[in-house]
Amino acid sequence: MSPRSLLALAAVALASLVPSARADTLVVGGGCFWCTEATFELLPGVTAVTSGYAGGTTENPKYKDLFQSNTGHAEVIHIDYDPAKTTLEALLTHFWKVHDPSQVGGQGADQGPQYRSIILYADAVQKAAAEKSLAEATPKFRKPITTQIVPLVKFWPAEDYHQDYFAKNPEAGYCRVVIKPKVDKLKKDLKPSS
């Protein structure tokens, strides 16, 4: 056996001894997915964020479908996170901070059911955490919270041009006016005080 083959075999053997990193997921929507994606990507422990669609009945929806037909889907993000570095509760707390869950029919200028506030739970643990988080958030808002808490049936990833939109288009008008202020505030809030 060649030294290279032995090295490869040793690497495989070592990899089997190291526990694999566990990842948990959460799917939420709070207005335009470009905004929520950009803020959740900054959080410690978040390993990936994917923009997409969920909460409706149309199979394999596309962006244009949300405006041209009644798909029932919302713009959402699928968050992968390391539970050793953050918690479901911390992510839900952040969710309430980055949008107005009391606004009916959208967020800011983004109006329509596709921009609604929504938490899509994958299991009973997530449902209980979402309901508890909602109860804790409710007194912090002057108006009733309109956030839907519903089971996740299926997450559909959005088209490639929606992924990492803010990072790829920081000078676009919407990014400068709507997303950048949220990102800048979050960066300031996350910065350790000296």
N, C-alpha and C. Protein backbone atom coordinates (compact mmCIF):
# COMPACT_ATOMS: atom_id res chain seq x y z
N MET A 1 0.85 -1.17 0.00
CA MET A 1 0.00 0.00 0.00
C MET A 1 0.90 1.24 0.00
N SER A 2 0.55 2.23 -0.81
CA SER A 2 1.37 3.44 -0.92
C SER A 2 1.19 4.30 0.32
N PRO A 3 2.16 5.18 0.60
CA PRO A 3 2.02 6.09 1.74
C PRO A 3 0.76 6.96 1.63
N ARG A 4 0.43 7.37 0.42
CA ARG A 4 -0.75 8.21 0.21
C ARG A 4 -2.02 7.43 0.57
N SER A 5 -2.10 6.17 0.18
CA SER A 5 -3.25 5.32 0.50
C SER A 5 -3.36 5.09 2.00
N LEU A 6 -2.21 4.87 2.65
CA LEU A 6 -2.21 4.70 4.11
C LEU A 6 -2.70 5.96 4.81
N LEU A 7 -2.26 7.10 4.32
CA LEU A 7 -2.68 8.37 4.90
C LEU A 7 -4.19 8.56 4.74
N ALA A 8 -4.71 8.25 3.57
CA ALA A 8 -6.15 8.37 3.32
C ALA A 8 -6.94 7.43 4.22
N LEU A 9 -6.45 6.21 4.38
CA LEU A 9 -7.10 5.23 5.24
C LEU A 9 -7.09 5.69 6.69
N ALA A 10 -5.98 6.26 7.14
CA ALA A 10 -5.87 6.77 8.50
C ALA A 10 -6.84 7.93 8.71
N ALA A 11 -6.99 8.80 7.71
CA ALA A 11 -7.91 9.93 7.82
C ALA A 11 -9.35 9.45 7.97
N VAL A 12 -9.72 8.45 7.21
CA VAL A 12 -11.07 7.88 7.30
C VAL A 12 -11.29 7.27 8.68
N ALA A 13 -10.30 6.54 9.17
CA ALA A 13 -10.42 5.91 10.49
C ALA A 13 -10.55 6.96 11.58
N LEU A 14 -9.76 8.02 11.51
CA LEU A 14 -9.84 9.09 12.51
C LEU A 14 -11.19 9.80 12.44
N ALA A 15 -11.67 10.04 11.24
CA ALA A 15 -12.95 10.73 11.08
C ALA A 15 -14.08 9.94 11.73
N SER A 16 -13.99 8.62 11.69
CA SER A 16 -15.05 7.81 12.29
C SER A 16 -15.03 7.87 13.81
N LEU A 17 -13.89 8.27 14.39
CA LEU A 17 -13.78 8.37 15.84
C LEU A 17 -14.29 9.71 16.36
N VAL A 18 -14.30 10.73 15.51
CA VAL A 18 -14.71 12.07 15.91
C VAL A 18 -16.23 12.17 15.74
N PRO A 19 -16.94 12.58 16.80
CA PRO A 19 -18.39 12.69 16.65
C PRO A 19 -18.72 13.76 15.61
N SER A 20 -19.72 13.49 14.79
CA SER A 20 -20.09 14.46 13.77
C SER A 20 -20.78 15.64 14.43
N ALA A 21 -20.60 16.82 13.82
CA ALA A 21 -21.23 18.02 14.34
C ALA A 21 -22.74 17.89 14.15
N ARG A 22 -23.48 18.12 15.19
CA ARG A 22 -24.93 18.03 15.13
C ARG A 22 -25.48 19.38 14.67
N ALA A 23 -26.44 19.36 13.81
CA ALA A 23 -27.07 20.60 13.37
C ALA A 23 -28.57 20.48 13.57
N ASP A 24 -29.15 21.55 14.05
CA ASP A 24 -30.60 21.63 14.18
C ASP A 24 -31.07 22.68 13.18
N THR A 25 -32.38 22.72 12.94
CA THR A 25 -32.92 23.66 11.97
C THR A 25 -34.13 24.38 12.52
N LEU A 26 -34.43 25.52 11.91
CA LEU A 26 -35.61 26.30 12.24
C LEU A 26 -36.04 27.00 10.95
N VAL A 27 -37.35 27.08 10.71
CA VAL A 27 -37.87 27.80 9.55
C VAL A 27 -38.81 28.90 10.04
N VAL A 28 -38.51 30.14 9.64
CA VAL A 28 -39.31 31.30 10.03
C VAL A 28 -39.44 32.26 8.85
N GLY A 29 -40.47 33.09 8.92
CA GLY A 29 -40.65 34.16 7.95
C GLY A 29 -41.05 35.43 8.67
N GLY A 30 -40.44 36.53 8.26
CA GLY A 30 -40.75 37.81 8.87
C GLY A 30 -40.58 38.93 7.86
N GLY A 31 -41.35 38.88 6.79
CA GLY A 31 -41.20 39.85 5.72
C GLY A 31 -40.32 39.29 4.61
N CYS A 32 -39.65 40.19 3.92
CA CYS A 32 -38.79 39.79 2.81
C CYS A 32 -37.66 38.90 3.30
N PHE A 33 -37.47 37.76 2.64
CA PHE A 33 -36.44 36.83 3.11
C PHE A 33 -35.03 37.37 2.96
N TRP A 34 -34.82 38.37 2.12
CA TRP A 34 -33.48 38.97 2.01
C TRP A 34 -33.09 39.59 3.36
N CYS A 35 -34.07 40.21 4.04
CA CYS A 35 -33.79 40.87 5.33
C CYS A 35 -33.52 39.85 6.43
N THR A 36 -34.42 38.88 6.55
CA THR A 36 -34.25 37.92 7.64
C THR A 36 -33.00 37.08 7.43
N GLU A 37 -32.71 36.72 6.19
CA GLU A 37 -31.50 35.95 5.89
C GLU A 37 -30.26 36.73 6.34
N ALA A 38 -30.19 38.01 5.97
CA ALA A 38 -29.01 38.82 6.27
C ALA A 38 -28.78 38.96 7.77
N THR A 39 -29.84 39.05 8.56
CA THR A 39 -29.64 39.21 10.01
C THR A 39 -29.33 37.89 10.69
N PHE A 40 -30.00 36.82 10.32
CA PHE A 40 -29.74 35.54 10.97
C PHE A 40 -28.34 35.01 10.64
N GLU A 41 -27.82 35.34 9.46
CA GLU A 41 -26.48 34.88 9.10
C GLU A 41 -25.40 35.43 10.03
N LEU A 42 -25.68 36.53 10.70
CA LEU A 42 -24.71 37.16 11.59
C LEU A 42 -24.66 36.52 12.98
N LEU A 43 -25.64 35.73 13.31
CA LEU A 43 -25.74 35.21 14.68
C LEU A 43 -24.73 34.10 14.95
N PRO A 44 -24.08 34.16 16.11
CA PRO A 44 -23.17 33.07 16.49
C PRO A 44 -23.93 31.75 16.56
N GLY A 45 -23.33 30.70 16.04
CA GLY A 45 -23.94 29.38 16.07
C GLY A 45 -24.76 29.04 14.85
N VAL A 46 -25.12 30.05 14.05
CA VAL A 46 -25.86 29.80 12.81
C VAL A 46 -24.85 29.37 11.76
N THR A 47 -25.07 28.21 11.18
CA THR A 47 -24.11 27.66 10.22
C THR A 47 -24.53 27.84 8.77
N ALA A 48 -25.82 28.02 8.51
CA ALA A 48 -26.30 28.26 7.14
C ALA A 48 -27.71 28.83 7.20
N VAL A 49 -28.01 29.69 6.23
CA VAL A 49 -29.36 30.23 6.09
C VAL A 49 -29.72 30.15 4.60
N THR A 50 -30.88 29.58 4.33
CA THR A 50 -31.34 29.43 2.95
C THR A 50 -32.70 30.10 2.81
N SER A 51 -32.82 31.01 1.85
CA SER A 51 -34.10 31.65 1.57
C SER A 51 -34.98 30.68 0.79
N GLY A 52 -36.30 30.75 1.06
CA GLY A 52 -37.20 29.85 0.36
C GLY A 52 -38.65 30.15 0.64
N TYR A 53 -39.47 29.15 0.41
CA TYR A 53 -40.92 29.28 0.51
C TYR A 53 -41.49 28.13 1.33
N ALA A 54 -42.51 28.43 2.14
CA ALA A 54 -43.18 27.40 2.93
C ALA A 54 -44.50 27.96 3.42
N GLY A 55 -45.33 27.06 3.92
CA GLY A 55 -46.60 27.46 4.51
C GLY A 55 -47.78 27.44 3.57
N GLY A 56 -47.55 27.03 2.33
CA GLY A 56 -48.63 27.01 1.35
C GLY A 56 -48.89 25.62 0.81
N THR A 57 -49.60 25.57 -0.30
CA THR A 57 -50.00 24.28 -0.85
C THR A 57 -49.42 24.00 -2.24
N THR A 58 -48.94 25.01 -2.93
CA THR A 58 -48.41 24.81 -4.28
C THR A 58 -47.09 24.06 -4.23
N GLU A 59 -46.97 23.03 -5.06
CA GLU A 59 -45.73 22.26 -5.15
C GLU A 59 -44.68 23.06 -5.90
N ASN A 60 -43.44 23.02 -5.41
CA ASN A 60 -42.29 23.63 -6.08
C ASN A 60 -42.55 25.07 -6.53
N PRO A 61 -42.96 25.96 -5.62
CA PRO A 61 -43.27 27.33 -6.00
C PRO A 61 -42.02 28.10 -6.44
N LYS A 62 -42.24 29.08 -7.28
CA LYS A 62 -41.20 30.01 -7.71
C LYS A 62 -41.59 31.40 -7.23
N TYR A 63 -40.63 32.31 -7.21
CA TYR A 63 -40.85 33.66 -6.71
C TYR A 63 -42.06 34.31 -7.39
N LYS A 64 -42.11 34.24 -8.72
CA LYS A 64 -43.20 34.87 -9.46
C LYS A 64 -44.56 34.30 -9.07
N ASP A 65 -44.60 33.03 -8.67
CA ASP A 65 -45.86 32.39 -8.29
C ASP A 65 -46.49 33.05 -7.07
N LEU A 66 -45.67 33.58 -6.18
CA LEU A 66 -46.19 34.19 -4.96
C LEU A 66 -46.99 35.44 -5.27
N PHE A 67 -46.71 36.07 -6.40
CA PHE A 67 -47.39 37.31 -6.78
C PHE A 67 -48.51 37.07 -7.79
N GLN A 68 -48.42 35.97 -8.55
CA GLN A 68 -49.37 35.73 -9.64
C GLN A 68 -50.49 34.77 -9.27
N SER A 69 -50.35 34.05 -8.19
CA SER A 69 -51.40 33.10 -7.82
C SER A 69 -51.45 32.95 -6.31
N ASN A 70 -52.48 32.30 -5.85
CA ASN A 70 -52.65 32.11 -4.40
C ASN A 70 -51.96 30.80 -3.99
N THR A 71 -50.64 30.85 -3.82
CA THR A 71 -49.89 29.65 -3.44
C THR A 71 -50.04 29.34 -1.96
N GLY A 72 -50.31 30.40 -1.18
CA GLY A 72 -50.38 30.23 0.27
C GLY A 72 -49.02 30.27 0.94
N HIS A 73 -47.94 30.30 0.14
CA HIS A 73 -46.59 30.28 0.71
C HIS A 73 -46.17 31.66 1.21
N ALA A 74 -45.28 31.64 2.18
CA ALA A 74 -44.63 32.86 2.67
C ALA A 74 -43.16 32.79 2.28
N GLU A 75 -42.53 33.97 2.18
CA GLU A 75 -41.08 34.02 2.04
C GLU A 75 -40.52 33.68 3.41
N VAL A 76 -39.69 32.66 3.49
CA VAL A 76 -39.14 32.19 4.76
C VAL A 76 -37.65 31.92 4.62
N ILE A 77 -37.03 31.65 5.75
CA ILE A 77 -35.64 31.21 5.75
C ILE A 77 -35.53 29.90 6.52
N HIS A 78 -34.66 29.04 6.04
CA HIS A 78 -34.35 27.77 6.69
C HIS A 78 -33.00 27.97 7.36
N ILE A 79 -32.97 27.90 8.68
CA ILE A 79 -31.76 28.18 9.46
C ILE A 79 -31.18 26.87 9.96
N ASP A 80 -29.92 26.63 9.66
CA ASP A 80 -29.17 25.52 10.25
C ASP A 80 -28.33 26.12 11.36
N TYR A 81 -28.35 25.49 12.53
CA TYR A 81 -27.55 26.03 13.63
C TYR A 81 -26.95 24.90 14.47
N ASP A 82 -25.88 25.26 15.14
CA ASP A 82 -25.17 24.33 16.00
C ASP A 82 -25.71 24.49 17.42
N PRO A 83 -26.44 23.50 17.95
CA PRO A 83 -27.03 23.64 19.28
C PRO A 83 -26.01 23.72 20.41
N ALA A 84 -24.74 23.46 20.10
CA ALA A 84 -23.70 23.64 21.11
C ALA A 84 -23.29 25.11 21.21
N LYS A 85 -23.69 25.92 20.21
CA LYS A 85 -23.28 27.32 20.18
C LYS A 85 -24.43 28.31 20.30
N THR A 86 -25.64 27.87 20.03
CA THR A 86 -26.81 28.71 20.20
C THR A 86 -28.01 27.80 20.47
N THR A 87 -29.13 28.42 20.80
CA THR A 87 -30.31 27.63 21.15
C THR A 87 -31.50 28.03 20.28
N LEU A 88 -32.46 27.16 20.23
CA LEU A 88 -33.72 27.47 19.55
C LEU A 88 -34.34 28.71 20.17
N GLU A 89 -34.29 28.80 21.48
CA GLU A 89 -34.87 29.95 22.19
C GLU A 89 -34.19 31.25 21.80
N ALA A 90 -32.86 31.24 21.66
CA ALA A 90 -32.13 32.44 21.26
C ALA A 90 -32.51 32.87 19.85
N LEU A 91 -32.67 31.91 18.96
CA LEU A 91 -33.07 32.23 17.58
C LEU A 91 -34.48 32.80 17.54
N LEU A 92 -35.38 32.25 18.35
CA LEU A 92 -36.74 32.78 18.39
C LEU A 92 -36.77 34.18 18.99
N THR A 93 -35.95 34.44 19.99
CA THR A 93 -35.86 35.79 20.56
C THR A 93 -35.42 36.78 19.49
N HIS A 94 -34.43 36.38 18.70
CA HIS A 94 -33.95 37.23 17.61
C HIS A 94 -35.06 37.47 16.58
N PHE A 95 -35.83 36.44 16.29
CA PHE A 95 -36.93 36.54 15.32
C PHE A 95 -37.86 37.70 15.66
N TRP A 96 -38.22 37.84 16.94
CA TRP A 96 -39.15 38.91 17.33
C TRP A 96 -38.51 40.29 17.20
N LYS A 97 -37.19 40.36 17.23
CA LYS A 97 -36.49 41.65 17.18
C LYS A 97 -36.28 42.19 15.77
N VAL A 98 -36.31 41.31 14.76
CA VAL A 98 -35.92 41.76 13.42
C VAL A 98 -37.10 42.03 12.49
N HIS A 99 -38.30 41.99 13.01
CA HIS A 99 -39.46 42.37 12.21
C HIS A 99 -40.57 42.79 13.16
N ASP A 100 -41.65 43.33 12.60
CA ASP A 100 -42.79 43.74 13.41
C ASP A 100 -43.88 42.67 13.29
N PRO A 101 -43.96 41.76 14.26
CA PRO A 101 -44.93 40.68 14.18
C PRO A 101 -46.37 41.13 14.39
N SER A 102 -46.56 42.41 14.70
CA SER A 102 -47.92 42.91 14.89
C SER A 102 -48.48 43.54 13.61
N GLN A 103 -47.65 43.68 12.59
CA GLN A 103 -48.12 44.27 11.34
C GLN A 103 -48.94 43.25 10.56
N VAL A 104 -50.12 43.65 10.14
CA VAL A 104 -51.01 42.77 9.39
C VAL A 104 -50.69 42.89 7.90
N GLY A 105 -50.58 41.75 7.22
CA GLY A 105 -50.47 41.75 5.77
C GLY A 105 -49.11 42.05 5.19
N GLY A 106 -48.05 41.94 5.97
CA GLY A 106 -46.72 42.16 5.42
C GLY A 106 -45.78 42.83 6.40
N GLN A 107 -44.72 43.38 5.85
CA GLN A 107 -43.72 44.08 6.66
C GLN A 107 -43.32 45.36 5.95
N GLY A 108 -43.51 46.50 6.62
CA GLY A 108 -43.14 47.78 6.02
C GLY A 108 -43.85 47.95 4.68
N ALA A 109 -43.07 48.31 3.66
CA ALA A 109 -43.63 48.51 2.32
C ALA A 109 -43.91 47.20 1.61
N ASP A 110 -43.38 46.10 2.12
CA ASP A 110 -43.60 44.79 1.51
C ASP A 110 -44.95 44.25 1.99
N GLN A 111 -45.94 44.36 1.13
CA GLN A 111 -47.29 43.97 1.51
C GLN A 111 -47.76 42.74 0.74
N GLY A 112 -48.53 41.92 1.40
CA GLY A 112 -49.07 40.71 0.80
C GLY A 112 -48.85 39.54 1.73
N PRO A 113 -49.65 38.49 1.59
CA PRO A 113 -49.56 37.35 2.50
C PRO A 113 -48.21 36.63 2.46
N GLN A 114 -47.47 36.78 1.36
CA GLN A 114 -46.16 36.14 1.27
C GLN A 114 -45.15 36.76 2.23
N TYR A 115 -45.46 37.95 2.76
CA TYR A 115 -44.56 38.64 3.69
C TYR A 115 -45.03 38.53 5.14
N ARG A 116 -45.95 37.63 5.41
CA ARG A 116 -46.50 37.52 6.76
C ARG A 116 -45.46 36.98 7.75
N SER A 117 -45.74 37.19 9.02
CA SER A 117 -44.90 36.68 10.10
C SER A 117 -45.34 35.25 10.39
N ILE A 118 -44.36 34.32 10.38
CA ILE A 118 -44.71 32.91 10.51
C ILE A 118 -43.55 32.11 11.11
N ILE A 119 -43.88 31.19 11.99
CA ILE A 119 -42.93 30.21 12.52
C ILE A 119 -43.47 28.84 12.11
N LEU A 120 -42.65 28.06 11.43
CA LEU A 120 -43.06 26.73 10.97
C LEU A 120 -42.29 25.70 11.77
N TYR A 121 -43.00 25.01 12.65
CA TYR A 121 -42.32 24.07 13.55
C TYR A 121 -42.21 22.68 12.93
N ALA A 122 -41.10 22.02 13.25
CA ALA A 122 -40.83 20.68 12.71
C ALA A 122 -41.30 19.57 13.63
N ASP A 123 -41.48 19.89 14.92
CA ASP A 123 -41.86 18.86 15.89
C ASP A 123 -42.50 19.52 17.11
N ALA A 124 -42.90 18.70 18.07
CA ALA A 124 -43.58 19.20 19.27
C ALA A 124 -42.67 20.09 20.11
N VAL A 125 -41.38 19.81 20.12
CA VAL A 125 -40.44 20.64 20.88
C VAL A 125 -40.39 22.05 20.30
N GLN A 126 -40.29 22.15 18.97
CA GLN A 126 -40.26 23.47 18.34
C GLN A 126 -41.60 24.19 18.51
N LYS A 127 -42.70 23.46 18.43
CA LYS A 127 -44.01 24.09 18.62
C LYS A 127 -44.10 24.68 20.02
N ALA A 128 -43.72 23.93 21.03
CA ALA A 128 -43.77 24.42 22.42
C ALA A 128 -42.85 25.62 22.60
N ALA A 129 -41.66 25.57 22.02
CA ALA A 129 -40.72 26.69 22.14
C ALA A 129 -41.27 27.93 21.45
N ALA A 130 -41.90 27.76 20.28
CA ALA A 130 -42.48 28.89 19.56
C ALA A 130 -43.63 29.51 20.34
N GLU A 131 -44.49 28.68 20.91
CA GLU A 131 -45.62 29.19 21.69
C GLU A 131 -45.14 29.90 22.95
N LYS A 132 -44.13 29.36 23.61
CA LYS A 132 -43.57 30.01 24.80
C LYS A 132 -42.93 31.35 24.42
N SER A 133 -42.20 31.36 23.32
CA SER A 133 -41.55 32.57 22.86
C SER A 133 -42.58 33.64 22.50
N LEU A 134 -43.67 33.23 21.86
CA LEU A 134 -44.76 34.15 21.53
C LEU A 134 -45.34 34.76 22.80
N ALA A 135 -45.59 33.94 23.80
CA ALA A 135 -46.15 34.43 25.07
C ALA A 135 -45.21 35.44 25.73
N GLU A 136 -43.90 35.19 25.64
CA GLU A 136 -42.92 36.11 26.23
C GLU A 136 -42.80 37.40 25.42
N ALA A 137 -42.98 37.32 24.10
CA ALA A 137 -42.85 38.50 23.24
C ALA A 137 -44.09 39.39 23.27
N THR A 138 -45.24 38.82 23.48
CA THR A 138 -46.51 39.55 23.38
C THR A 138 -46.55 40.85 24.19
N PRO A 139 -46.13 40.87 25.46
CA PRO A 139 -46.21 42.13 26.22
C PRO A 139 -45.28 43.23 25.69
N LYS A 140 -44.34 42.89 24.83
CA LYS A 140 -43.38 43.87 24.31
C LYS A 140 -43.93 44.66 23.13
N PHE A 141 -45.11 44.29 22.64
CA PHE A 141 -45.69 44.95 21.48
C PHE A 141 -47.00 45.63 21.86
N ARG A 142 -47.24 46.80 21.28
CA ARG A 142 -48.44 47.55 21.60
C ARG A 142 -49.68 46.95 20.94
N LYS A 143 -49.48 46.36 19.77
CA LYS A 143 -50.60 45.76 19.03
C LYS A 143 -50.52 44.24 19.14
N PRO A 144 -51.64 43.57 18.89
CA PRO A 144 -51.62 42.10 18.94
C PRO A 144 -50.66 41.51 17.90
N ILE A 145 -49.97 40.47 18.28
CA ILE A 145 -49.07 39.78 17.36
C ILE A 145 -49.89 38.93 16.40
N THR A 146 -49.53 39.00 15.12
CA THR A 146 -50.26 38.27 14.08
C THR A 146 -49.50 37.04 13.58
N THR A 147 -48.39 36.73 14.18
CA THR A 147 -47.54 35.62 13.75
C THR A 147 -48.29 34.29 13.76
N GLN A 148 -48.20 33.57 12.66
CA GLN A 148 -48.76 32.23 12.59
C GLN A 148 -47.73 31.24 13.12
N ILE A 149 -48.17 30.28 13.90
CA ILE A 149 -47.31 29.16 14.33
C ILE A 149 -47.98 27.91 13.77
N VAL A 150 -47.35 27.34 12.75
CA VAL A 150 -47.96 26.23 12.00
C VAL A 150 -46.94 25.13 11.74
N PRO A 151 -47.40 23.92 11.48
CA PRO A 151 -46.45 22.84 11.18
C PRO A 151 -45.75 23.06 9.84
N LEU A 152 -44.49 22.70 9.80
CA LEU A 152 -43.73 22.75 8.55
C LEU A 152 -44.06 21.49 7.75
N VAL A 153 -44.66 21.67 6.60
CA VAL A 153 -44.96 20.54 5.73
C VAL A 153 -43.78 20.30 4.79
N LYS A 154 -43.34 21.37 4.14
CA LYS A 154 -42.19 21.27 3.24
C LYS A 154 -41.59 22.64 3.03
N PHE A 155 -40.27 22.70 2.99
CA PHE A 155 -39.53 23.92 2.67
C PHE A 155 -39.05 23.81 1.23
N TRP A 156 -39.29 24.84 0.46
CA TRP A 156 -38.84 24.88 -0.93
C TRP A 156 -37.78 25.97 -1.06
N PRO A 157 -36.53 25.64 -1.36
CA PRO A 157 -35.49 26.67 -1.53
C PRO A 157 -35.86 27.63 -2.66
N ALA A 158 -35.57 28.90 -2.45
CA ALA A 158 -35.80 29.91 -3.48
C ALA A 158 -34.74 29.80 -4.57
N GLU A 159 -34.97 30.49 -5.64
CA GLU A 159 -34.04 30.52 -6.75
C GLU A 159 -32.68 31.04 -6.29
N ASP A 160 -31.63 30.65 -7.01
CA ASP A 160 -30.25 30.99 -6.62
C ASP A 160 -30.04 32.49 -6.44
N TYR A 161 -30.66 33.32 -7.28
CA TYR A 161 -30.40 34.76 -7.19
C TYR A 161 -30.92 35.37 -5.89
N HIS A 162 -31.77 34.66 -5.16
CA HIS A 162 -32.25 35.15 -3.86
C HIS A 162 -31.29 34.79 -2.72
N GLN A 163 -30.45 33.81 -2.91
CA GLN A 163 -29.57 33.34 -1.83
C GLN A 163 -28.45 34.36 -1.59
N ASP A 164 -28.22 34.70 -0.32
CA ASP A 164 -27.19 35.68 0.05
C ASP A 164 -27.37 36.99 -0.71
N TYR A 165 -28.60 37.40 -0.88
CA TYR A 165 -28.91 38.57 -1.70
C TYR A 165 -28.20 39.83 -1.20
N PHE A 166 -28.26 40.08 0.08
CA PHE A 166 -27.64 41.30 0.61
C PHE A 166 -26.13 41.27 0.42
N ALA A 167 -25.50 40.15 0.67
CA ALA A 167 -24.05 40.04 0.50
C ALA A 167 -23.64 40.25 -0.96
N LYS A 168 -24.47 39.80 -1.88
CA LYS A 168 -24.15 39.92 -3.31
C LYS A 168 -24.55 41.27 -3.90
N ASN A 169 -25.48 41.98 -3.26
CA ASN A 169 -26.03 43.22 -3.81
C ASN A 169 -26.10 44.34 -2.77
N PRO A 170 -25.01 44.63 -2.07
CA PRO A 170 -25.08 45.60 -0.98
C PRO A 170 -25.45 47.02 -1.42
N GLU A 171 -25.23 47.34 -2.68
CA GLU A 171 -25.52 48.70 -3.16
C GLU A 171 -26.90 48.83 -3.79
N ALA A 172 -27.63 47.74 -3.90
CA ALA A 172 -29.00 47.82 -4.44
C ALA A 172 -29.84 48.69 -3.51
N GLY A 173 -30.77 49.43 -4.08
CA GLY A 173 -31.57 50.37 -3.30
C GLY A 173 -32.24 49.74 -2.09
N TYR A 174 -32.92 48.63 -2.28
CA TYR A 174 -33.62 47.96 -1.17
C TYR A 174 -32.62 47.56 -0.09
N CYS A 175 -31.46 47.08 -0.51
CA CYS A 175 -30.45 46.65 0.47
C CYS A 175 -29.95 47.82 1.29
N ARG A 176 -29.67 48.96 0.63
CA ARG A 176 -29.15 50.12 1.35
C ARG A 176 -30.19 50.72 2.29
N VAL A 177 -31.43 50.78 1.84
CA VAL A 177 -32.48 51.47 2.60
C VAL A 177 -33.12 50.58 3.68
N VAL A 178 -33.34 49.31 3.38
CA VAL A 178 -34.08 48.44 4.30
C VAL A 178 -33.18 47.47 5.07
N ILE A 179 -32.31 46.76 4.36
CA ILE A 179 -31.54 45.69 5.00
C ILE A 179 -30.34 46.22 5.78
N LYS A 180 -29.57 47.13 5.18
CA LYS A 180 -28.34 47.60 5.82
C LYS A 180 -28.58 48.19 7.21
N PRO A 181 -29.60 49.03 7.42
CA PRO A 181 -29.83 49.53 8.79
C PRO A 181 -30.07 48.41 9.81
N LYS A 182 -30.79 47.36 9.41
CA LYS A 182 -31.03 46.23 10.32
C LYS A 182 -29.73 45.48 10.62
N VAL A 183 -28.94 45.27 9.59
CA VAL A 183 -27.66 44.56 9.74
C VAL A 183 -26.71 45.38 10.61
N ASP A 184 -26.63 46.69 10.35
CA ASP A 184 -25.74 47.55 11.14
C ASP A 184 -26.15 47.57 12.61
N LYS A 185 -27.45 47.65 12.88
CA LYS A 185 -27.92 47.64 14.27
C LYS A 185 -27.56 46.33 14.95
N LEU A 186 -27.77 45.22 14.25
CA LEU A 186 -27.46 43.92 14.83
C LEU A 186 -25.97 43.78 15.10
N LYS A 187 -25.14 44.23 14.17
CA LYS A 187 -23.69 44.15 14.37
C LYS A 187 -23.29 44.94 15.61
N LYS A 188 -23.91 46.09 15.79
CA LYS A 188 -23.63 46.92 16.98
C LYS A 188 -24.08 46.19 18.25
N ASP A 189 -25.26 45.58 18.20
CA ASP A 189 -25.79 44.86 19.36
C ASP A 189 -24.95 43.63 19.70
N LEU A 190 -24.38 42.99 18.67
CA LEU A 190 -23.58 41.77 18.89
C LEU A 190 -22.16 42.06 19.33
N LYS A 191 -21.71 43.29 19.09
CA LYS A 191 -20.34 43.66 19.43
C LYS A 191 -20.17 43.64 20.95
N PRO A 192 -19.14 42.95 21.44
CA PRO A 192 -18.93 42.91 22.89
C PRO A 192 -18.63 44.31 23.43
N SER A 193 -19.25 44.65 24.54
CA SER A 193 -18.97 45.96 25.14
C SER A 193 -17.63 45.92 25.85
N SER A 194 -16.90 47.03 25.71
CA SER A 194 -15.56 47.05 26.31
C SER A 194 -15.51 47.80 27.61
